[in-house]
PDB file of all heavy atoms in Angstrom:
ATOM      1  N   ALA A   1     -39.436  42.732 -12.043  1.00  0.00           N
ATOM      2  CA  ALA A   1     -38.871  42.873 -10.702  1.00  0.00           C
ATOM      3  C   ALA A   1     -38.719  41.531  -9.992  1.00  0.00           C
ATOM      4  O   ALA A   1     -37.857  41.388  -9.123  1.00  0.00           O
ATOM      5  CB  ALA A   1     -39.740  43.806  -9.860  1.00  0.00           C
ATOM      6  N   TYR A   2     -39.552  40.556 -10.344  1.00  0.00           N
ATOM      7  CA  TYR A   2     -39.561  39.296  -9.603  1.00  0.00           C
ATOM      8  C   TYR A   2     -39.092  38.078 -10.384  1.00  0.00           C
ATOM      9  O   TYR A   2     -38.602  37.119  -9.784  1.00  0.00           O
ATOM     10  CB  TYR A   2     -40.975  39.003  -9.088  1.00  0.00           C
ATOM     11  CG  TYR A   2     -41.391  39.913  -7.974  1.00  0.00           C
ATOM     12  CD1 TYR A   2     -42.200  41.019  -8.206  1.00  0.00           C
ATOM     13  CD2 TYR A   2     -40.977  39.676  -6.669  1.00  0.00           C
ATOM     14  CE1 TYR A   2     -42.592  41.847  -7.174  1.00  0.00           C
ATOM     15  CE2 TYR A   2     -41.348  40.507  -5.626  1.00  0.00           C
ATOM     16  CZ  TYR A   2     -42.160  41.583  -5.894  1.00  0.00           C
ATOM     17  OH  TYR A   2     -42.539  42.418  -4.866  1.00  0.00           O
ATOM     18  N   ARG A   3     -39.288  38.046 -11.689  1.00  0.00           N
ATOM     19  CA  ARG A   3     -39.049  36.811 -12.434  1.00  0.00           C
ATOM     20  C   ARG A   3     -38.197  37.048 -13.670  1.00  0.00           C
ATOM     21  O   ARG A   3     -38.158  38.133 -14.215  1.00  0.00           O
ATOM     22  CB  ARG A   3     -40.383  36.183 -12.877  1.00  0.00           C
ATOM     23  CG  ARG A   3     -41.391  36.015 -11.777  1.00  0.00           C
ATOM     24  CD  ARG A   3     -41.045  34.859 -10.837  1.00  0.00           C
ATOM     25  NE  ARG A   3     -41.860  34.880  -9.636  1.00  0.00           N
ATOM     26  CZ  ARG A   3     -43.120  34.516  -9.552  1.00  0.00           C
ATOM     27  NH1 ARG A   3     -43.747  34.089 -10.611  1.00  0.00           N
ATOM     28  NH2 ARG A   3     -43.756  34.581  -8.401  1.00  0.00           N
ATOM     29  N   GLY A   4     -37.533  36.000 -14.088  1.00  0.00           N
ATOM     30  CA  GLY A   4     -36.762  36.035 -15.318  1.00  0.00           C
ATOM     31  C   GLY A   4     -35.405  36.698 -15.151  1.00  0.00           C
ATOM     32  O   GLY A   4     -35.031  37.146 -14.064  1.00  0.00           O
ATOM     33  N   ASP A   5     -34.681  36.740 -16.247  1.00  0.00           N
ATOM     34  CA  ASP A   5     -33.313  37.270 -16.224  1.00  0.00           C
ATOM     35  C   ASP A   5     -33.254  38.738 -15.839  1.00  0.00           C
ATOM     36  O   ASP A   5     -32.334  39.170 -15.158  1.00  0.00           O
ATOM     37  CB  ASP A   5     -32.635  37.061 -17.579  1.00  0.00           C
ATOM     38  CG  ASP A   5     -32.306  35.591 -17.832  1.00  0.00           C
ATOM     39  OD1 ASP A   5     -32.171  34.838 -16.841  1.00  0.00           O
ATOM     40  OD2 ASP A   5     -32.200  35.206 -19.001  1.00  0.00           O
ATOM     41  N   GLU A   6     -34.237  39.528 -16.275  1.00  0.00           N
ATOM     42  CA  GLU A   6     -34.248  40.961 -15.936  1.00  0.00           C
ATOM     43  C   GLU A   6     -34.254  41.160 -14.422  1.00  0.00           C
ATOM     44  O   GLU A   6     -33.602  42.058 -13.897  1.00  0.00           O
ATOM     45  CB  GLU A   6     -35.463  41.643 -16.573  1.00  0.00           C
ATOM     46  CG  GLU A   6     -35.574  43.122 -16.301  1.00  0.00           C
ATOM     47  CD  GLU A   6     -34.529  43.979 -17.009  1.00  0.00           C
ATOM     48  OE1 GLU A   6     -33.850  43.480 -17.921  1.00  0.00           O
ATOM     49  OE2 GLU A   6     -34.386  45.154 -16.632  1.00  0.00           O
ATOM     50  N   SER A   7     -34.982  40.308 -13.715  1.00  0.00           N
ATOM     51  CA  SER A   7     -35.086  40.452 -12.261  1.00  0.00           C
ATOM     52  C   SER A   7     -33.751  40.261 -11.556  1.00  0.00           C
ATOM     53  O   SER A   7     -33.547  40.752 -10.451  1.00  0.00           O
ATOM     54  CB  SER A   7     -36.115  39.470 -11.700  1.00  0.00           C
ATOM     55  OG  SER A   7     -35.634  38.138 -11.738  1.00  0.00           O
ATOM     56  N   ARG A   8     -32.839  39.568 -12.179  1.00  0.00           N
ATOM     57  CA  ARG A   8     -31.528  39.311 -11.566  1.00  0.00           C
ATOM     58  C   ARG A   8     -30.672  40.575 -11.471  1.00  0.00           C
ATOM     59  O   ARG A   8     -29.671  40.595 -10.776  1.00  0.00           O
ATOM     60  CB  ARG A   8     -30.792  38.219 -12.328  1.00  0.00           C
ATOM     61  CG  ARG A   8     -31.499  36.873 -12.242  1.00  0.00           C
ATOM     62  CD  ARG A   8     -30.754  35.802 -13.030  1.00  0.00           C
ATOM     63  NE  ARG A   8     -31.547  34.627 -13.253  1.00  0.00           N
ATOM     64  CZ  ARG A   8     -31.774  33.668 -12.356  1.00  0.00           C
ATOM     65  NH1 ARG A   8     -31.260  33.759 -11.156  1.00  0.00           N
ATOM     66  NH2 ARG A   8     -32.514  32.627 -12.681  1.00  0.00           N
ATOM     67  N   LYS A   9     -31.083  41.648 -12.150  1.00  0.00           N
ATOM     68  CA  LYS A   9     -30.383  42.931 -12.044  1.00  0.00           C
ATOM     69  C   LYS A   9     -30.670  43.608 -10.709  1.00  0.00           C
ATOM     70  O   LYS A   9     -29.969  44.525 -10.315  1.00  0.00           O
ATOM     71  CB  LYS A   9     -30.797  43.867 -13.185  1.00  0.00           C
ATOM     72  CG  LYS A   9     -30.368  43.392 -14.548  1.00  0.00           C
ATOM     73  CD  LYS A   9     -30.855  44.339 -15.625  1.00  0.00           C
ATOM     74  CE  LYS A   9     -30.502  43.825 -17.008  1.00  0.00           C
ATOM     75  NZ  LYS A   9     -31.063  44.697 -18.056  1.00  0.00           N
ATOM     76  N   GLY A  10     -31.726  43.187 -10.028  1.00  0.00           N
ATOM     77  CA  GLY A  10     -32.099  43.724  -8.730  1.00  0.00           C
ATOM     78  C   GLY A  10     -31.922  42.672  -7.656  1.00  0.00           C
ATOM     79  O   GLY A  10     -31.519  41.545  -7.926  1.00  0.00           O
ATOM     80  N   TRP A  11     -32.253  43.029  -6.436  1.00  0.00           N
ATOM     81  CA  TRP A  11     -32.086  42.089  -5.331  1.00  0.00           C
ATOM     82  C   TRP A  11     -33.390  41.444  -4.895  1.00  0.00           C
ATOM     83  O   TRP A  11     -33.396  40.585  -4.017  1.00  0.00           O
ATOM     84  CB  TRP A  11     -31.384  42.754  -4.153  1.00  0.00           C
ATOM     85  CG  TRP A  11     -32.201  43.789  -3.445  1.00  0.00           C
ATOM     86  CD1 TRP A  11     -32.332  45.110  -3.787  1.00  0.00           C
ATOM     87  CD2 TRP A  11     -33.012  43.599  -2.294  1.00  0.00           C
ATOM     88  NE1 TRP A  11     -33.176  45.745  -2.918  1.00  0.00           N
ATOM     89  CE2 TRP A  11     -33.606  44.830  -1.967  1.00  0.00           C
ATOM     90  CE3 TRP A  11     -33.297  42.501  -1.479  1.00  0.00           C
ATOM     91  CZ2 TRP A  11     -34.459  45.002  -0.895  1.00  0.00           C
ATOM     92  CZ3 TRP A  11     -34.149  42.678  -0.400  1.00  0.00           C
ATOM     93  CH2 TRP A  11     -34.725  43.914  -0.123  1.00  0.00           C
ATOM     94  N   THR A  12     -34.510  41.797  -5.514  1.00  0.00           N
ATOM     95  CA  THR A  12     -35.796  41.228  -5.113  1.00  0.00           C
ATOM     96  C   THR A  12     -36.211  40.032  -5.963  1.00  0.00           C
ATOM     97  O   THR A  12     -37.330  39.556  -5.854  1.00  0.00           O
ATOM     98  CB  THR A  12     -36.913  42.290  -5.178  1.00  0.00           C
ATOM     99  OG1 THR A  12     -37.046  42.739  -6.530  1.00  0.00           O
ATOM    100  CG2 THR A  12     -36.623  43.447  -4.251  1.00  0.00           C
ATOM    101  N   THR A  13     -35.325  39.532  -6.777  1.00  0.00           N
ATOM    102  CA  THR A  13     -35.667  38.444  -7.681  1.00  0.00           C
ATOM    103  C   THR A  13     -36.169  37.198  -6.953  1.00  0.00           C
ATOM    104  O   THR A  13     -35.705  36.858  -5.871  1.00  0.00           O
ATOM    105  CB  THR A  13     -34.458  38.078  -8.575  1.00  0.00           C
ATOM    106  OG1 THR A  13     -34.879  37.087  -9.514  1.00  0.00           O
ATOM    107  CG2 THR A  13     -33.285  37.564  -7.765  1.00  0.00           C
ATOM    108  N   GLU A  14     -37.130  36.562  -7.577  1.00  0.00           N
ATOM    109  CA  GLU A  14     -37.603  35.249  -7.136  1.00  0.00           C
ATOM    110  C   GLU A  14     -37.290  34.203  -8.206  1.00  0.00           C
ATOM    111  O   GLU A  14     -37.797  33.090  -8.173  1.00  0.00           O
ATOM    112  CB  GLU A  14     -39.125  35.277  -6.898  1.00  0.00           C
ATOM    113  CG  GLU A  14     -39.563  36.193  -5.794  1.00  0.00           C
ATOM    114  CD  GLU A  14     -41.079  36.334  -5.684  1.00  0.00           C
ATOM    115  OE1 GLU A  14     -41.811  35.928  -6.619  1.00  0.00           O
ATOM    116  OE2 GLU A  14     -41.522  36.869  -4.662  1.00  0.00           O
ATOM    117  N   ALA A  15     -36.448  34.570  -9.165  1.00  0.00           N
ATOM    118  CA  ALA A  15     -36.184  33.722 -10.327  1.00  0.00           C
ATOM    119  C   ALA A  15     -35.632  32.351  -9.958  1.00  0.00           C
ATOM    120  O   ALA A  15     -35.872  31.382 -10.681  1.00  0.00           O
ATOM    121  CB  ALA A  15     -35.229  34.437 -11.289  1.00  0.00           C
ATOM    122  N   ASP A  16     -34.902  32.241  -8.860  1.00  0.00           N
ATOM    123  CA  ASP A  16     -34.381  30.937  -8.457  1.00  0.00           C
ATOM    124  C   ASP A  16     -35.419  30.121  -7.697  1.00  0.00           C
ATOM    125  O   ASP A  16     -35.256  28.919  -7.512  1.00  0.00           O
ATOM    126  CB  ASP A  16     -33.132  31.108  -7.589  1.00  0.00           C
ATOM    127  CG  ASP A  16     -31.979  31.709  -8.381  1.00  0.00           C
ATOM    128  OD1 ASP A  16     -31.907  31.481  -9.602  1.00  0.00           O
ATOM    129  OD2 ASP A  16     -31.168  32.421  -7.768  1.00  0.00           O
ATOM    130  N   LEU A  17     -36.488  30.762  -7.250  1.00  0.00           N
ATOM    131  CA  LEU A  17     -37.525  30.086  -6.467  1.00  0.00           C
ATOM    132  C   LEU A  17     -38.733  29.680  -7.304  1.00  0.00           C
ATOM    133  O   LEU A  17     -39.376  28.678  -7.028  1.00  0.00           O
ATOM    134  CB  LEU A  17     -38.018  30.998  -5.336  1.00  0.00           C
ATOM    135  CG  LEU A  17     -36.977  31.457  -4.318  1.00  0.00           C
ATOM    136  CD1 LEU A  17     -37.587  32.459  -3.358  1.00  0.00           C
ATOM    137  CD2 LEU A  17     -36.410  30.263  -3.583  1.00  0.00           C
ATOM    138  N   LEU A  18     -39.054  30.506  -8.298  1.00  0.00           N
ATOM    139  CA  LEU A  18     -40.263  30.310  -9.090  1.00  0.00           C
ATOM    140  C   LEU A  18     -39.996  30.561 -10.560  1.00  0.00           C
ATOM    141  O   LEU A  18     -39.261  31.477 -10.909  1.00  0.00           O
ATOM    142  CB  LEU A  18     -41.353  31.284  -8.631  1.00  0.00           C
ATOM    143  CG  LEU A  18     -41.876  31.104  -7.221  1.00  0.00           C
ATOM    144  CD1 LEU A  18     -42.180  32.437  -6.592  1.00  0.00           C
ATOM    145  CD2 LEU A  18     -43.113  30.240  -7.258  1.00  0.00           C
ATOM    146  N   GLU A  19     -40.631  29.778 -11.393  1.00  0.00           N
ATOM    147  CA  GLU A  19     -40.595  30.012 -12.835  1.00  0.00           C
ATOM    148  C   GLU A  19     -41.949  30.572 -13.246  1.00  0.00           C
ATOM    149  O   GLU A  19     -42.930  30.440 -12.521  1.00  0.00           O
ATOM    150  CB  GLU A  19     -40.320  28.703 -13.567  1.00  0.00           C
ATOM    151  CG  GLU A  19     -38.948  28.133 -13.243  1.00  0.00           C
ATOM    152  CD  GLU A  19     -38.706  26.800 -13.907  1.00  0.00           C
ATOM    153  OE1 GLU A  19     -39.347  26.534 -14.943  1.00  0.00           O
ATOM    154  OE2 GLU A  19     -37.891  26.037 -13.395  1.00  0.00           O
ATOM    155  N   GLY A  20     -41.998  31.202 -14.395  1.00  0.00           N
ATOM    156  CA  GLY A  20     -43.257  31.753 -14.884  1.00  0.00           C
ATOM    157  C   GLY A  20     -43.418  33.206 -14.486  1.00  0.00           C
ATOM    158  O   GLY A  20     -42.482  33.863 -14.063  1.00  0.00           O
ATOM    159  N   ILE A  21     -44.644  33.689 -14.620  1.00  0.00           N
ATOM    160  CA  ILE A  21     -44.913  35.106 -14.383  1.00  0.00           C
ATOM    161  C   ILE A  21     -45.346  35.361 -12.949  1.00  0.00           C
ATOM    162  O   ILE A  21     -45.765  34.449 -12.240  1.00  0.00           O
ATOM    163  CB  ILE A  21     -45.996  35.635 -15.347  1.00  0.00           C
ATOM    164  CG1 ILE A  21     -47.327  34.896 -15.143  1.00  0.00           C
ATOM    165  CG2 ILE A  21     -45.519  35.551 -16.783  1.00  0.00           C
ATOM    166  CD1 ILE A  21     -48.496  35.531 -15.856  1.00  0.00           C
ATOM    167  N   ARG A  22     -45.258  36.602 -12.524  1.00  0.00           N
ATOM    168  CA  ARG A  22     -45.714  37.028 -11.193  1.00  0.00           C
ATOM    169  C   ARG A  22     -47.155  37.522 -11.241  1.00  0.00           C
ATOM    170  O   ARG A  22     -47.918  37.367 -10.313  1.00  0.00           O
ATOM    171  CB  ARG A  22     -44.773  38.119 -10.663  1.00  0.00           C
ATOM    172  CG  ARG A  22     -45.191  38.825  -9.383  1.00  0.00           C
ATOM    173  CD  ARG A  22     -45.131  37.893  -8.196  1.00  0.00           C
ATOM    174  NE  ARG A  22     -45.317  38.601  -6.943  1.00  0.00           N
ATOM    175  CZ  ARG A  22     -46.486  39.030  -6.477  1.00  0.00           C
ATOM    176  NH1 ARG A  22     -47.596  38.861  -7.178  1.00  0.00           N
ATOM    177  NH2 ARG A  22     -46.554  39.660  -5.321  1.00  0.00           N
ATOM    178  N   THR A  23     -47.522  38.174 -12.356  1.00  0.00           N
ATOM    179  CA  THR A  23     -48.895  38.660 -12.517  1.00  0.00           C
ATOM    180  C   THR A  23     -49.213  38.779 -13.996  1.00  0.00           C
ATOM    181  O   THR A  23     -48.325  38.681 -14.841  1.00  0.00           O
ATOM    182  CB  THR A  23     -49.105  40.007 -11.791  1.00  0.00           C
ATOM    183  OG1 THR A  23     -50.503  40.260 -11.685  1.00  0.00           O
ATOM    184  CG2 THR A  23     -48.412  41.166 -12.495  1.00  0.00           C
ATOM    185  N   ASP A  24     -50.488  39.004 -14.289  1.00  0.00           N
ATOM    186  CA  ASP A  24     -50.909  39.204 -15.672  1.00  0.00           C
ATOM    187  C   ASP A  24     -51.934  40.338 -15.732  1.00  0.00           C
ATOM    188  O   ASP A  24     -52.411  40.822 -14.702  1.00  0.00           O
ATOM    189  CB  ASP A  24     -51.445  37.914 -16.292  1.00  0.00           C
ATOM    190  CG  ASP A  24     -52.703  37.381 -15.621  1.00  0.00           C
ATOM    191  OD1 ASP A  24     -53.388  38.137 -14.884  1.00  0.00           O
ATOM    192  OD2 ASP A  24     -53.020  36.200 -15.822  1.00  0.00           O
ATOM    193  N   ALA A  25     -52.259  40.755 -16.951  1.00  0.00           N
ATOM    194  CA  ALA A  25     -53.153  41.895 -17.145  1.00  0.00           C
ATOM    195  C   ALA A  25     -54.550  41.636 -16.572  1.00  0.00           C
ATOM    196  O   ALA A  25     -55.135  42.523 -15.942  1.00  0.00           O
ATOM    197  CB  ALA A  25     -53.240  42.250 -18.627  1.00  0.00           C
ATOM    198  N   ASP A  26     -55.087  40.440 -16.780  1.00  0.00           N
ATOM    199  CA  ASP A  26     -56.427  40.148 -16.270  1.00  0.00           C
ATOM    200  C   ASP A  26     -56.485  40.291 -14.754  1.00  0.00           C
ATOM    201  O   ASP A  26     -57.433  40.859 -14.206  1.00  0.00           O
ATOM    202  CB  ASP A  26     -56.868  38.737 -16.678  1.00  0.00           C
ATOM    203  CG  ASP A  26     -57.161  38.631 -18.169  1.00  0.00           C
ATOM    204  OD1 ASP A  26     -57.360  39.671 -18.832  1.00  0.00           O
ATOM    205  OD2 ASP A  26     -57.196  37.482 -18.665  1.00  0.00           O
ATOM    206  N   SER A  27     -55.468  39.777 -14.072  1.00  0.00           N
ATOM    207  CA  SER A  27     -55.442  39.864 -12.606  1.00  0.00           C
ATOM    208  C   SER A  27     -55.346  41.306 -12.139  1.00  0.00           C
ATOM    209  O   SER A  27     -56.018  41.702 -11.185  1.00  0.00           O
ATOM    210  CB  SER A  27     -54.274  39.055 -12.041  1.00  0.00           C
ATOM    211  OG  SER A  27     -54.475  37.696 -12.315  1.00  0.00           O
ATOM    212  N   LEU A  28     -54.520  42.101 -12.793  1.00  0.00           N
ATOM    213  CA  LEU A  28     -54.388  43.503 -12.398  1.00  0.00           C
ATOM    214  C   LEU A  28     -55.679  44.278 -12.665  1.00  0.00           C
ATOM    215  O   LEU A  28     -56.090  45.106 -11.841  1.00  0.00           O
ATOM    216  CB  LEU A  28     -53.197  44.154 -13.092  1.00  0.00           C
ATOM    217  CG  LEU A  28     -51.832  43.686 -12.609  1.00  0.00           C
ATOM    218  CD1 LEU A  28     -50.719  44.312 -13.440  1.00  0.00           C
ATOM    219  CD2 LEU A  28     -51.626  43.992 -11.142  1.00  0.00           C
TER     220      LEU A  28
END
């Protein structure tokens, strides 16, 4: 929803602002 090419299909992308992941399994 937030990062990478997949996120560009929606309007909530942060792909142009940030690279890398938004979250990981350990954090969740």
